[in-house]
PDB file of all heavy atoms in Angstrom:
ATOM      1  N   SER A   1       0.212 -28.148  16.395  1.00  0.00           N
ATOM      2  CA  SER A   1       0.691 -27.292  15.319  1.00  0.00           C
ATOM      3  C   SER A   1       2.056 -26.711  15.634  1.00  0.00           C
ATOM      4  O   SER A   1       2.662 -26.067  14.792  1.00  0.00           O
ATOM      5  CB  SER A   1      -0.295 -26.139  15.088  1.00  0.00           C
ATOM      6  OG  SER A   1      -1.549 -26.636  14.708  1.00  0.00           O
ATOM      7  N   GLY A   2       2.526 -26.892  16.858  1.00  0.00           N
ATOM      8  CA  GLY A   2       3.855 -26.445  17.232  1.00  0.00           C
ATOM      9  C   GLY A   2       3.982 -24.948  17.395  1.00  0.00           C
ATOM     10  O   GLY A   2       5.044 -24.384  17.169  1.00  0.00           O
ATOM     11  N   ILE A   3       2.883 -24.252  17.795  1.00  0.00           N
ATOM     12  CA  ILE A   3       2.987 -22.824  18.021  1.00  0.00           C
ATOM     13  C   ILE A   3       2.634 -22.501  19.457  1.00  0.00           C
ATOM     14  O   ILE A   3       1.917 -23.252  20.118  1.00  0.00           O
ATOM     15  CB  ILE A   3       2.084 -22.013  17.063  1.00  0.00           C
ATOM     16  CG1 ILE A   3       0.600 -22.327  17.333  1.00  0.00           C
ATOM     17  CG2 ILE A   3       2.414 -22.283  15.625  1.00  0.00           C
ATOM     18  CD1 ILE A   3      -0.334 -21.452  16.539  1.00  0.00           C
ATOM     19  N   THR A   4       3.152 -21.410  19.961  1.00  0.00           N
ATOM     20  CA  THR A   4       2.905 -21.006  21.341  1.00  0.00           C
ATOM     21  C   THR A   4       1.801 -19.974  21.386  1.00  0.00           C
ATOM     22  O   THR A   4       1.367 -19.452  20.357  1.00  0.00           O
ATOM     23  CB  THR A   4       4.169 -20.392  21.954  1.00  0.00           C
ATOM     24  OG1 THR A   4       4.456 -19.163  21.246  1.00  0.00           O
ATOM     25  CG2 THR A   4       5.357 -21.328  21.809  1.00  0.00           C
ATOM     26  N   ASP A   5       1.345 -19.652  22.589  1.00  0.00           N
ATOM     27  CA  ASP A   5       0.320 -18.616  22.729  1.00  0.00           C
ATOM     28  C   ASP A   5       0.822 -17.301  22.148  1.00  0.00           C
ATOM     29  O   ASP A   5       0.070 -16.544  21.537  1.00  0.00           O
ATOM     30  CB  ASP A   5      -0.045 -18.429  24.203  1.00  0.00           C
ATOM     31  CG  ASP A   5      -0.812 -19.634  24.742  1.00  0.00           C
ATOM     32  OD1 ASP A   5      -1.383 -20.377  23.929  1.00  0.00           O
ATOM     33  OD2 ASP A   5      -0.839 -19.809  25.960  1.00  0.00           O
ATOM     34  N   GLY A   6       2.108 -17.009  22.347  1.00  0.00           N
ATOM     35  CA  GLY A   6       2.685 -15.785  21.810  1.00  0.00           C
ATOM     36  C   GLY A   6       2.639 -15.755  20.290  1.00  0.00           C
ATOM     37  O   GLY A   6       2.329 -14.741  19.687  1.00  0.00           O
ATOM     38  N   ASP A   7       2.932 -16.918  19.683  1.00  0.00           N
ATOM     39  CA  ASP A   7       2.880 -17.008  18.221  1.00  0.00           C
ATOM     40  C   ASP A   7       1.462 -16.776  17.722  1.00  0.00           C
ATOM     41  O   ASP A   7       1.242 -16.108  16.723  1.00  0.00           O
ATOM     42  CB  ASP A   7       3.352 -18.385  17.747  1.00  0.00           C
ATOM     43  CG  ASP A   7       4.845 -18.577  17.964  1.00  0.00           C
ATOM     44  OD1 ASP A   7       5.579 -17.593  17.838  1.00  0.00           O
ATOM     45  OD2 ASP A   7       5.247 -19.705  18.266  1.00  0.00           O
ATOM     46  N   ALA A   8       0.493 -17.366  18.443  1.00  0.00           N
ATOM     47  CA  ALA A   8      -0.898 -17.233  18.030  1.00  0.00           C
ATOM     48  C   ALA A   8      -1.331 -15.774  18.086  1.00  0.00           C
ATOM     49  O   ALA A   8      -2.022 -15.280  17.198  1.00  0.00           O
ATOM     50  CB  ALA A   8      -1.792 -18.086  18.930  1.00  0.00           C
ATOM     51  N   THR A   9      -0.919 -15.063  19.146  1.00  0.00           N
ATOM     52  CA  THR A   9      -1.253 -13.642  19.260  1.00  0.00           C
ATOM     53  C   THR A   9      -0.624 -12.847  18.131  1.00  0.00           C
ATOM     54  O   THR A   9      -1.255 -11.991  17.516  1.00  0.00           O
ATOM     55  CB  THR A   9      -0.755 -13.092  20.610  1.00  0.00           C
ATOM     56  OG1 THR A   9      -1.380 -13.820  21.667  1.00  0.00           O
ATOM     57  CG2 THR A   9      -1.104 -11.605  20.744  1.00  0.00           C
ATOM     58  N   ARG A  10       0.639 -13.155  17.792  1.00  0.00           N
ATOM     59  CA  ARG A  10       1.329 -12.446  16.728  1.00  0.00           C
ATOM     60  C   ARG A  10       0.638 -12.680  15.387  1.00  0.00           C
ATOM     61  O   ARG A  10       0.448 -11.755  14.602  1.00  0.00           O
ATOM     62  CB  ARG A  10       2.783 -12.913  16.650  1.00  0.00           C
ATOM     63  CG  ARG A  10       3.570 -12.284  15.504  1.00  0.00           C
ATOM     64  CD  ARG A  10       5.003 -12.783  15.516  1.00  0.00           C
ATOM     65  NE  ARG A  10       5.066 -14.229  15.417  1.00  0.00           N
ATOM     66  CZ  ARG A  10       4.920 -14.895  14.271  1.00  0.00           C
ATOM     67  NH1 ARG A  10       4.680 -14.248  13.157  1.00  0.00           N
ATOM     68  NH2 ARG A  10       4.999 -16.216  14.249  1.00  0.00           N
ATOM     69  N   LEU A  11       0.233 -13.938  15.135  1.00  0.00           N
ATOM     70  CA  LEU A  11      -0.407 -14.241  13.863  1.00  0.00           C
ATOM     71  C   LEU A  11      -1.722 -13.498  13.714  1.00  0.00           C
ATOM     72  O   LEU A  11      -2.079 -13.049  12.634  1.00  0.00           O
ATOM     73  CB  LEU A  11      -0.644 -15.756  13.736  1.00  0.00           C
ATOM     74  CG  LEU A  11       0.605 -16.611  13.545  1.00  0.00           C
ATOM     75  CD1 LEU A  11       0.230 -18.077  13.556  1.00  0.00           C
ATOM     76  CD2 LEU A  11       1.303 -16.260  12.246  1.00  0.00           C
ATOM     77  N   ARG A  12      -2.443 -13.351  14.820  1.00  0.00           N
ATOM     78  CA  ARG A  12      -3.741 -12.694  14.735  1.00  0.00           C
ATOM     79  C   ARG A  12      -3.612 -11.192  14.489  1.00  0.00           C
ATOM     80  O   ARG A  12      -4.570 -10.539  14.099  1.00  0.00           O
ATOM     81  CB  ARG A  12      -4.544 -12.957  16.020  1.00  0.00           C
ATOM     82  CG  ARG A  12      -5.189 -14.336  16.041  1.00  0.00           C
ATOM     83  CD  ARG A  12      -6.203 -14.437  17.164  1.00  0.00           C
ATOM     84  NE  ARG A  12      -5.567 -14.567  18.460  1.00  0.00           N
ATOM     85  CZ  ARG A  12      -5.248 -15.729  19.014  1.00  0.00           C
ATOM     86  NH1 ARG A  12      -5.488 -16.851  18.372  1.00  0.00           N
ATOM     87  NH2 ARG A  12      -4.690 -15.786  20.199  1.00  0.00           N
ATOM     88  N   THR A  13      -2.429 -10.616  14.738  1.00  0.00           N
ATOM     89  CA  THR A  13      -2.242  -9.194  14.509  1.00  0.00           C
ATOM     90  C   THR A  13      -1.788  -8.886  13.088  1.00  0.00           C
ATOM     91  O   THR A  13      -1.738  -7.741  12.680  1.00  0.00           O
ATOM     92  CB  THR A  13      -1.189  -8.613  15.483  1.00  0.00           C
ATOM     93  OG1 THR A  13       0.072  -9.234  15.245  1.00  0.00           O
ATOM     94  CG2 THR A  13      -1.608  -8.846  16.924  1.00  0.00           C
ATOM     95  N   VAL A  14      -1.432  -9.926  12.323  1.00  0.00           N
ATOM     96  CA  VAL A  14      -1.010  -9.716  10.947  1.00  0.00           C
ATOM     97  C   VAL A  14      -2.216  -9.328  10.091  1.00  0.00           C
ATOM     98  O   VAL A  14      -3.333  -9.766  10.326  1.00  0.00           O
ATOM     99  CB  VAL A  14      -0.363 -11.003  10.383  1.00  0.00           C
ATOM    100  CG1 VAL A  14       0.030 -10.801   8.925  1.00  0.00           C
ATOM    101  CG2 VAL A  14       0.847 -11.376  11.209  1.00  0.00           C
ATOM    102  N   LYS A  15      -1.971  -8.477   9.092  1.00  0.00           N
ATOM    103  CA  LYS A  15      -3.039  -8.045   8.193  1.00  0.00           C
ATOM    104  C   LYS A  15      -3.757  -9.251   7.598  1.00  0.00           C
ATOM    105  O   LYS A  15      -3.138 -10.150   7.058  1.00  0.00           O
ATOM    106  CB  LYS A  15      -2.438  -7.198   7.069  1.00  0.00           C
ATOM    107  CG  LYS A  15      -3.463  -6.493   6.199  1.00  0.00           C
ATOM    108  CD  LYS A  15      -2.739  -5.600   5.196  1.00  0.00           C
ATOM    109  CE  LYS A  15      -3.714  -4.852   4.318  1.00  0.00           C
ATOM    110  NZ  LYS A  15      -3.009  -4.004   3.337  1.00  0.00           N
ATOM    111  N   THR A  16      -5.056  -9.292   7.720  1.00  0.00           N
ATOM    112  CA  THR A  16      -5.817 -10.472   7.322  1.00  0.00           C
ATOM    113  C   THR A  16      -5.976 -10.572   5.811  1.00  0.00           C
ATOM    114  O   THR A  16      -6.094  -9.574   5.107  1.00  0.00           O
ATOM    115  CB  THR A  16      -7.207 -10.475   7.972  1.00  0.00           C
ATOM    116  OG1 THR A  16      -7.951 -11.597   7.474  1.00  0.00           O
ATOM    117  CG2 THR A  16      -7.978  -9.211   7.649  1.00  0.00           C
ATOM    118  N   VAL A  17      -5.991 -11.808   5.338  1.00  0.00           N
ATOM    119  CA  VAL A  17      -6.150 -12.055   3.908  1.00  0.00           C
ATOM    120  C   VAL A  17      -7.572 -11.793   3.447  1.00  0.00           C
ATOM    121  O   VAL A  17      -7.851 -11.747   2.263  1.00  0.00           O
ATOM    122  CB  VAL A  17      -5.746 -13.507   3.583  1.00  0.00           C
ATOM    123  CG1 VAL A  17      -6.832 -14.476   4.012  1.00  0.00           C
ATOM    124  CG2 VAL A  17      -5.476 -13.674   2.095  1.00  0.00           C
ATOM    125  N   ARG A  18      -8.486 -11.594   4.380  1.00  0.00           N
ATOM    126  CA  ARG A  18      -9.871 -11.395   3.975  1.00  0.00           C
ATOM    127  C   ARG A  18     -10.091 -10.088   3.210  1.00  0.00           C
ATOM    128  O   ARG A  18     -11.162  -9.841   2.687  1.00  0.00           O
ATOM    129  CB  ARG A  18     -10.797 -11.467   5.201  1.00  0.00           C
ATOM    130  CG  ARG A  18     -10.993 -12.897   5.684  1.00  0.00           C
ATOM    131  CD  ARG A  18     -12.290 -13.045   6.470  1.00  0.00           C
ATOM    132  NE  ARG A  18     -12.534 -14.436   6.760  1.00  0.00           N
ATOM    133  CZ  ARG A  18     -12.044 -15.089   7.795  1.00  0.00           C
ATOM    134  NH1 ARG A  18     -11.279 -14.457   8.645  1.00  0.00           N
ATOM    135  NH2 ARG A  18     -12.305 -16.365   8.002  1.00  0.00           N
ATOM    136  N   GLU A  19      -9.067  -9.207   3.172  1.00  0.00           N
ATOM    137  CA  GLU A  19      -9.175  -8.015   2.355  1.00  0.00           C
ATOM    138  C   GLU A  19      -9.154  -8.378   0.876  1.00  0.00           C
ATOM    139  O   GLU A  19      -9.500  -7.578   0.017  1.00  0.00           O
ATOM    140  CB  GLU A  19      -8.042  -7.037   2.676  1.00  0.00           C
ATOM    141  CG  GLU A  19      -8.158  -6.448   4.076  1.00  0.00           C
ATOM    142  CD  GLU A  19      -7.078  -5.434   4.360  1.00  0.00           C
ATOM    143  OE1 GLU A  19      -6.288  -5.148   3.441  1.00  0.00           O
ATOM    144  OE2 GLU A  19      -7.014  -4.947   5.492  1.00  0.00           O
ATOM    145  N   LYS A  20      -8.694  -9.588   0.591  1.00  0.00           N
ATOM    146  CA  LYS A  20      -8.737 -10.108  -0.769  1.00  0.00           C
ATOM    147  C   LYS A  20      -9.911 -11.066  -0.832  1.00  0.00           C
ATOM    148  O   LYS A  20     -10.087 -11.890   0.057  1.00  0.00           O
ATOM    149  CB  LYS A  20      -7.427 -10.844  -1.071  1.00  0.00           C
ATOM    150  CG  LYS A  20      -7.272 -11.288  -2.511  1.00  0.00           C
ATOM    151  CD  LYS A  20      -5.895 -11.914  -2.713  1.00  0.00           C
ATOM    152  CE  LYS A  20      -5.680 -12.326  -4.147  1.00  0.00           C
ATOM    153  NZ  LYS A  20      -4.355 -12.951  -4.346  1.00  0.00           N
ATOM    154  N   SER A  21     -10.743 -10.965  -1.853  1.00  0.00           N
ATOM    155  CA  SER A  21     -11.958 -11.770  -1.889  1.00  0.00           C
ATOM    156  C   SER A  21     -11.642 -13.254  -1.968  1.00  0.00           C
ATOM    157  O   SER A  21     -10.643 -13.668  -2.570  1.00  0.00           O
ATOM    158  CB  SER A  21     -12.831 -11.369  -3.079  1.00  0.00           C
ATOM    159  OG  SER A  21     -12.302 -11.881  -4.274  1.00  0.00           O
ATOM    160  N   ILE A  22     -12.477 -14.037  -1.351  1.00  0.00           N
ATOM    161  CA  ILE A  22     -12.333 -15.489  -1.380  1.00  0.00           C
ATOM    162  C   ILE A  22     -12.372 -15.996  -2.821  1.00  0.00           C
ATOM    163  O   ILE A  22     -11.637 -16.903  -3.201  1.00  0.00           O
ATOM    164  CB  ILE A  22     -13.446 -16.166  -0.546  1.00  0.00           C
ATOM    165  CG1 ILE A  22     -13.332 -15.763   0.930  1.00  0.00           C
ATOM    166  CG2 ILE A  22     -13.369 -17.674  -0.689  1.00  0.00           C
ATOM    167  CD1 ILE A  22     -12.039 -16.168   1.585  1.00  0.00           C
ATOM    168  N   LYS A  23     -13.194 -15.386  -3.652  1.00  0.00           N
ATOM    169  CA  LYS A  23     -13.289 -15.806  -5.053  1.00  0.00           C
ATOM    170  C   LYS A  23     -11.963 -15.626  -5.774  1.00  0.00           C
ATOM    171  O   LYS A  23     -11.559 -16.473  -6.577  1.00  0.00           O
ATOM    172  CB  LYS A  23     -14.393 -15.019  -5.762  1.00  0.00           C
ATOM    173  CG  LYS A  23     -15.808 -15.426  -5.364  1.00  0.00           C
ATOM    174  CD  LYS A  23     -16.839 -14.683  -6.187  1.00  0.00           C
ATOM    175  CE  LYS A  23     -18.252 -15.136  -5.822  1.00  0.00           C
ATOM    176  NZ  LYS A  23     -19.281 -14.422  -6.616  1.00  0.00           N
ATOM    177  N   GLU A  24     -11.265 -14.519  -5.479  1.00  0.00           N
ATOM    178  CA  GLU A  24      -9.962 -14.272  -6.106  1.00  0.00           C
ATOM    179  C   GLU A  24      -8.949 -15.320  -5.683  1.00  0.00           C
ATOM    180  O   GLU A  24      -8.167 -15.822  -6.489  1.00  0.00           O
ATOM    181  CB  GLU A  24      -9.449 -12.886  -5.730  1.00  0.00           C
ATOM    182  CG  GLU A  24     -10.149 -11.739  -6.420  1.00  0.00           C
ATOM    183  CD  GLU A  24      -9.572 -10.405  -6.000  1.00  0.00           C
ATOM    184  OE1 GLU A  24      -9.651 -10.073  -4.800  1.00  0.00           O
ATOM    185  OE2 GLU A  24      -9.032  -9.707  -6.863  1.00  0.00           O
ATOM    186  N   ILE A  25      -8.968 -15.658  -4.395  1.00  0.00           N
ATOM    187  CA  ILE A  25      -8.025 -16.633  -3.859  1.00  0.00           C
ATOM    188  C   ILE A  25      -8.274 -18.005  -4.483  1.00  0.00           C
ATOM    189  O   ILE A  25      -7.353 -18.688  -4.919  1.00  0.00           O
ATOM    190  CB  ILE A  25      -8.147 -16.727  -2.326  1.00  0.00           C
ATOM    191  CG1 ILE A  25      -7.727 -15.395  -1.696  1.00  0.00           C
ATOM    192  CG2 ILE A  25      -7.290 -17.862  -1.776  1.00  0.00           C
ATOM    193  CD1 ILE A  25      -8.014 -15.322  -0.214  1.00  0.00           C
ATOM    194  N   VAL A  26      -9.551 -18.403  -4.525  1.00  0.00           N
ATOM    195  CA  VAL A  26      -9.900 -19.710  -5.079  1.00  0.00           C
ATOM    196  C   VAL A  26      -9.552 -19.772  -6.569  1.00  0.00           C
ATOM    197  O   VAL A  26      -9.025 -20.771  -7.053  1.00  0.00           O
ATOM    198  CB  VAL A  26     -11.394 -20.017  -4.841  1.00  0.00           C
ATOM    199  CG1 VAL A  26     -11.797 -21.283  -5.589  1.00  0.00           C
ATOM    200  CG2 VAL A  26     -11.678 -20.166  -3.352  1.00  0.00           C
ATOM    201  N   ALA A  27      -9.810 -18.685  -7.294  1.00  0.00           N
ATOM    202  CA  ALA A  27      -9.507 -18.654  -8.729  1.00  0.00           C
ATOM    203  C   ALA A  27      -8.016 -18.830  -8.972  1.00  0.00           C
ATOM    204  O   ALA A  27      -7.598 -19.578  -9.866  1.00  0.00           O
ATOM    205  CB  ALA A  27      -9.984 -17.344  -9.331  1.00  0.00           C
ATOM    206  N   ALA A  28      -7.186 -18.154  -8.170  1.00  0.00           N
ATOM    207  CA  ALA A  28      -5.737 -18.272  -8.331  1.00  0.00           C
ATOM    208  C   ALA A  28      -5.275 -19.677  -7.976  1.00  0.00           C
ATOM    209  O   ALA A  28      -4.410 -20.254  -8.650  1.00  0.00           O
ATOM    210  CB  ALA A  28      -5.038 -17.247  -7.439  1.00  0.00           C
ATOM    211  N   ALA A  29      -5.845 -20.243  -6.927  1.00  0.00           N
ATOM    212  CA  ALA A  29      -5.426 -21.566  -6.477  1.00  0.00           C
ATOM    213  C   ALA A  29      -5.799 -22.646  -7.480  1.00  0.00           C
ATOM    214  O   ALA A  29      -5.126 -23.676  -7.568  1.00  0.00           O
ATOM    215  CB  ALA A  29      -6.057 -21.884  -5.122  1.00  0.00           C
ATOM    216  N   GLU A  30      -6.854 -22.431  -8.248  1.00  0.00           N
ATOM    217  CA  GLU A  30      -7.295 -23.444  -9.209  1.00  0.00           C
ATOM    218  C   GLU A  30      -6.276 -23.658 -10.323  1.00  0.00           C
ATOM    219  O   GLU A  30      -6.341 -24.654 -11.040  1.00  0.00           O
ATOM    220  CB  GLU A  30      -8.659 -23.054  -9.774  1.00  0.00           C
ATOM    221  CG  GLU A  30      -9.783 -23.309  -8.771  1.00  0.00           C
ATOM    222  CD  GLU A  30     -11.147 -22.907  -9.294  1.00  0.00           C
ATOM    223  OE1 GLU A  30     -11.195 -22.192 -10.328  1.00  0.00           O
ATOM    224  OE2 GLU A  30     -12.150 -23.289  -8.680  1.00  0.00           O
ATOM    225  N   LEU A  31      -5.331 -22.727 -10.460  1.00  0.00           N
ATOM    226  CA  LEU A  31      -4.256 -22.919 -11.437  1.00  0.00           C
ATOM    227  C   LEU A  31      -3.402 -24.127 -11.055  1.00  0.00           C
ATOM    228  O   LEU A  31      -2.730 -24.725 -11.890  1.00  0.00           O
ATOM    229  CB  LEU A  31      -3.381 -21.665 -11.509  1.00  0.00           C
ATOM    230  CG  LEU A  31      -4.053 -20.404 -12.045  1.00  0.00           C
ATOM    231  CD1 LEU A  31      -3.101 -19.217 -11.945  1.00  0.00           C
ATOM    232  CD2 LEU A  31      -4.515 -20.610 -13.486  1.00  0.00           C
ATOM    233  N   ASN A  32      -3.432 -24.477  -9.768  1.00  0.00           N
ATOM    234  CA  ASN A  32      -2.647 -25.610  -9.283  1.00  0.00           C
ATOM    235  C   ASN A  32      -3.484 -26.887  -9.179  1.00  0.00           C
ATOM    236  O   ASN A  32      -3.083 -27.839  -8.508  1.00  0.00           O
ATOM    237  CB  ASN A  32      -2.056 -25.277  -7.908  1.00  0.00           C
ATOM    238  CG  ASN A  32      -1.098 -24.104  -7.976  1.00  0.00           C
ATOM    239  OD1 ASN A  32      -0.279 -24.020  -8.874  1.00  0.00           O
ATOM    240  ND2 ASN A  32      -1.215 -23.193  -7.025  1.00  0.00           N
ATOM    241  N   LEU A  33      -4.624 -26.892  -9.849  1.00  0.00           N
ATOM    242  CA  LEU A  33      -5.536 -28.029  -9.754  1.00  0.00           C
ATOM    243  C   LEU A  33      -4.879 -29.346 -10.143  1.00  0.00           C
ATOM    244  O   LEU A  33      -5.096 -30.374  -9.511  1.00  0.00           O
ATOM    245  CB  LEU A  33      -6.772 -27.786 -10.628  1.00  0.00           C
ATOM    246  CG  LEU A  33      -7.838 -28.897 -10.618  1.00  0.00           C
ATOM    247  CD1 LEU A  33      -8.379 -29.103  -9.212  1.00  0.00           C
ATOM    248  CD2 LEU A  33      -8.975 -28.537 -11.580  1.00  0.00           C
ATOM    249  N   SER A  34      -4.055 -29.333 -11.203  1.00  0.00           N
ATOM    250  CA  SER A  34      -3.424 -30.575 -11.643  1.00  0.00           C
ATOM    251  C   SER A  34      -2.477 -31.121 -10.580  1.00  0.00           C
ATOM    252  O   SER A  34      -2.400 -32.339 -10.376  1.00  0.00           O
ATOM    253  CB  SER A  34      -2.667 -30.355 -12.954  1.00  0.00           C
ATOM    254  OG  SER A  34      -1.626 -29.414 -12.781  1.00  0.00           O
ATOM    255  N   LEU A  35      -1.782 -30.233  -9.869  1.00  0.00           N
ATOM    256  CA  LEU A  35      -0.897 -30.673  -8.791  1.00  0.00           C
ATOM    257  C   LEU A  35      -1.707 -31.251  -7.635  1.00  0.00           C
ATOM    258  O   LEU A  35      -1.324 -32.261  -7.027  1.00  0.00           O
ATOM    259  CB  LEU A  35      -0.045 -29.501  -8.288  1.00  0.00           C
ATOM    260  CG  LEU A  35       0.958 -28.896  -9.269  1.00  0.00           C
ATOM    261  CD1 LEU A  35       1.650 -27.699  -8.637  1.00  0.00           C
ATOM    262  CD2 LEU A  35       1.982 -29.937  -9.699  1.00  0.00           C
ATOM    263  N   GLU A  36      -2.817 -30.614  -7.338  1.00  0.00           N
ATOM    264  CA  GLU A  36      -3.679 -31.090  -6.258  1.00  0.00           C
ATOM    265  C   GLU A  36      -4.212 -32.487  -6.566  1.00  0.00           C
ATOM    266  O   GLU A  36      -4.211 -33.375  -5.700  1.00  0.00           O
ATOM    267  CB  GLU A  36      -4.838 -30.105  -6.055  1.00  0.00           C
ATOM    268  CG  GLU A  36      -4.397 -28.735  -5.577  1.00  0.00           C
ATOM    269  CD  GLU A  36      -5.470 -27.680  -5.692  1.00  0.00           C
ATOM    270  OE1 GLU A  36      -6.581 -27.997  -6.192  1.00  0.00           O
ATOM    271  OE2 GLU A  36      -5.199 -26.526  -5.296  1.00  0.00           O
ATOM    272  N   ARG A  37      -4.648 -32.676  -7.795  1.00  0.00           N
ATOM    273  CA  ARG A  37      -5.174 -33.989  -8.183  1.00  0.00           C
ATOM    274  C   ARG A  37      -4.072 -35.043  -8.195  1.00  0.00           C
ATOM    275  O   ARG A  37      -4.319 -36.209  -7.894  1.00  0.00           O
ATOM    276  CB  ARG A  37      -5.855 -33.897  -9.554  1.00  0.00           C
ATOM    277  CG  ARG A  37      -7.178 -33.145  -9.518  1.00  0.00           C
ATOM    278  CD  ARG A  37      -8.161 -33.750  -8.533  1.00  0.00           C
ATOM    279  NE  ARG A  37      -9.454 -33.115  -8.580  1.00  0.00           N
ATOM    280  CZ  ARG A  37     -10.586 -33.725  -8.916  1.00  0.00           C
ATOM    281  NH1 ARG A  37     -10.573 -35.009  -9.245  1.00  0.00           N
ATOM    282  NH2 ARG A  37     -11.732 -33.070  -8.906  1.00  0.00           N
ATOM    283  N   GLN A  38      -2.865 -34.633  -8.565  1.00  0.00           N
ATOM    284  CA  GLN A  38      -1.742 -35.563  -8.537  1.00  0.00           C
ATOM    285  C   GLN A  38      -1.492 -36.050  -7.111  1.00  0.00           C
ATOM    286  O   GLN A  38      -1.318 -37.253  -6.876  1.00  0.00           O
ATOM    287  CB  GLN A  38      -0.479 -34.887  -9.072  1.00  0.00           C
ATOM    288  CG  GLN A  38       0.757 -35.784  -9.058  1.00  0.00           C
ATOM    289  CD  GLN A  38       2.028 -35.040  -9.427  1.00  0.00           C
ATOM    290  OE1 GLN A  38       1.979 -33.920  -9.937  1.00  0.00           O
ATOM    291  NE2 GLN A  38       3.176 -35.640  -9.169  1.00  0.00           N
ATOM    292  N   ALA A  39      -1.496 -35.125  -6.161  1.00  0.00           N
ATOM    293  CA  ALA A  39      -1.303 -35.496  -4.753  1.00  0.00           C
ATOM    294  C   ALA A  39      -2.434 -36.390  -4.275  1.00  0.00           C
ATOM    295  O   ALA A  39      -2.209 -37.396  -3.583  1.00  0.00           O
ATOM    296  CB  ALA A  39      -1.222 -34.237  -3.888  1.00  0.00           C
ATOM    297  N   PHE A  40      -3.658 -36.040  -4.660  1.00  0.00           N
ATOM    298  CA  PHE A  40      -4.830 -36.818  -4.251  1.00  0.00           C
ATOM    299  C   PHE A  40      -4.753 -38.245  -4.785  1.00  0.00           C
ATOM    300  O   PHE A  40      -5.032 -39.209  -4.059  1.00  0.00           O
ATOM    301  CB  PHE A  40      -6.095 -36.121  -4.757  1.00  0.00           C
ATOM    302  CG  PHE A  40      -7.374 -36.686  -4.226  1.00  0.00           C
ATOM    303  CD1 PHE A  40      -7.784 -36.402  -2.927  1.00  0.00           C
ATOM    304  CD2 PHE A  40      -8.184 -37.478  -5.025  1.00  0.00           C
ATOM    305  CE1 PHE A  40      -8.975 -36.918  -2.426  1.00  0.00           C
ATOM    306  CE2 PHE A  40      -9.374 -37.991  -4.541  1.00  0.00           C
ATOM    307  CZ  PHE A  40      -9.776 -37.713  -3.235  1.00  0.00           C
ATOM    308  N   ASP A  41      -4.352 -38.390  -6.044  1.00  0.00           N
ATOM    309  CA  ASP A  41      -4.234 -39.718  -6.654  1.00  0.00           C
ATOM    310  C   ASP A  41      -3.145 -40.548  -5.959  1.00  0.00           C
ATOM    311  O   ASP A  41      -3.319 -41.756  -5.756  1.00  0.00           O
ATOM    312  CB  ASP A  41      -3.924 -39.596  -8.142  1.00  0.00           C
ATOM    313  CG  ASP A  41      -5.104 -39.073  -8.951  1.00  0.00           C
ATOM    314  OD1 ASP A  41      -6.238 -39.104  -8.426  1.00  0.00           O
ATOM    315  OD2 ASP A  41      -4.895 -38.621 -10.096  1.00  0.00           O
ATOM    316  N   LEU A  42      -2.036 -39.900  -5.607  1.00  0.00           N
ATOM    317  CA  LEU A  42      -0.961 -40.621  -4.911  1.00  0.00           C
ATOM    318  C   LEU A  42      -1.439 -41.150  -3.564  1.00  0.00           C
ATOM    319  O   LEU A  42      -1.083 -42.262  -3.151  1.00  0.00           O
ATOM    320  CB  LEU A  42       0.242 -39.702  -4.709  1.00  0.00           C
ATOM    321  CG  LEU A  42       1.062 -39.367  -5.962  1.00  0.00           C
ATOM    322  CD1 LEU A  42       2.120 -38.315  -5.633  1.00  0.00           C
ATOM    323  CD2 LEU A  42       1.732 -40.625  -6.515  1.00  0.00           C
ATOM    324  N   ILE A  43      -2.254 -40.365  -2.881  1.00  0.00           N
ATOM    325  CA  ILE A  43      -2.776 -40.791  -1.578  1.00  0.00           C
ATOM    326  C   ILE A  43      -3.743 -41.954  -1.745  1.00  0.00           C
ATOM    327  O   ILE A  43      -3.700 -42.940  -0.991  1.00  0.00           O
ATOM    328  CB  ILE A  43      -3.445 -39.598  -0.870  1.00  0.00           C
ATOM    329  CG1 ILE A  43      -2.370 -38.596  -0.447  1.00  0.00           C
ATOM    330  CG2 ILE A  43      -4.251 -40.060   0.341  1.00  0.00           C
ATOM    331  CD1 ILE A  43      -2.904 -37.239  -0.081  1.00  0.00           C
TER     332      ILE A  43
END
């Protein structure tokens, strides 16, 4: 992934996204469903 131990420690100290519900995240991401399917079809 190209990150160092220091980077990993820094990332773990950042405010976690889990304060936002998984359902909210998935609902927002589904707006990009057509783009996702386009990428999937190309593959």
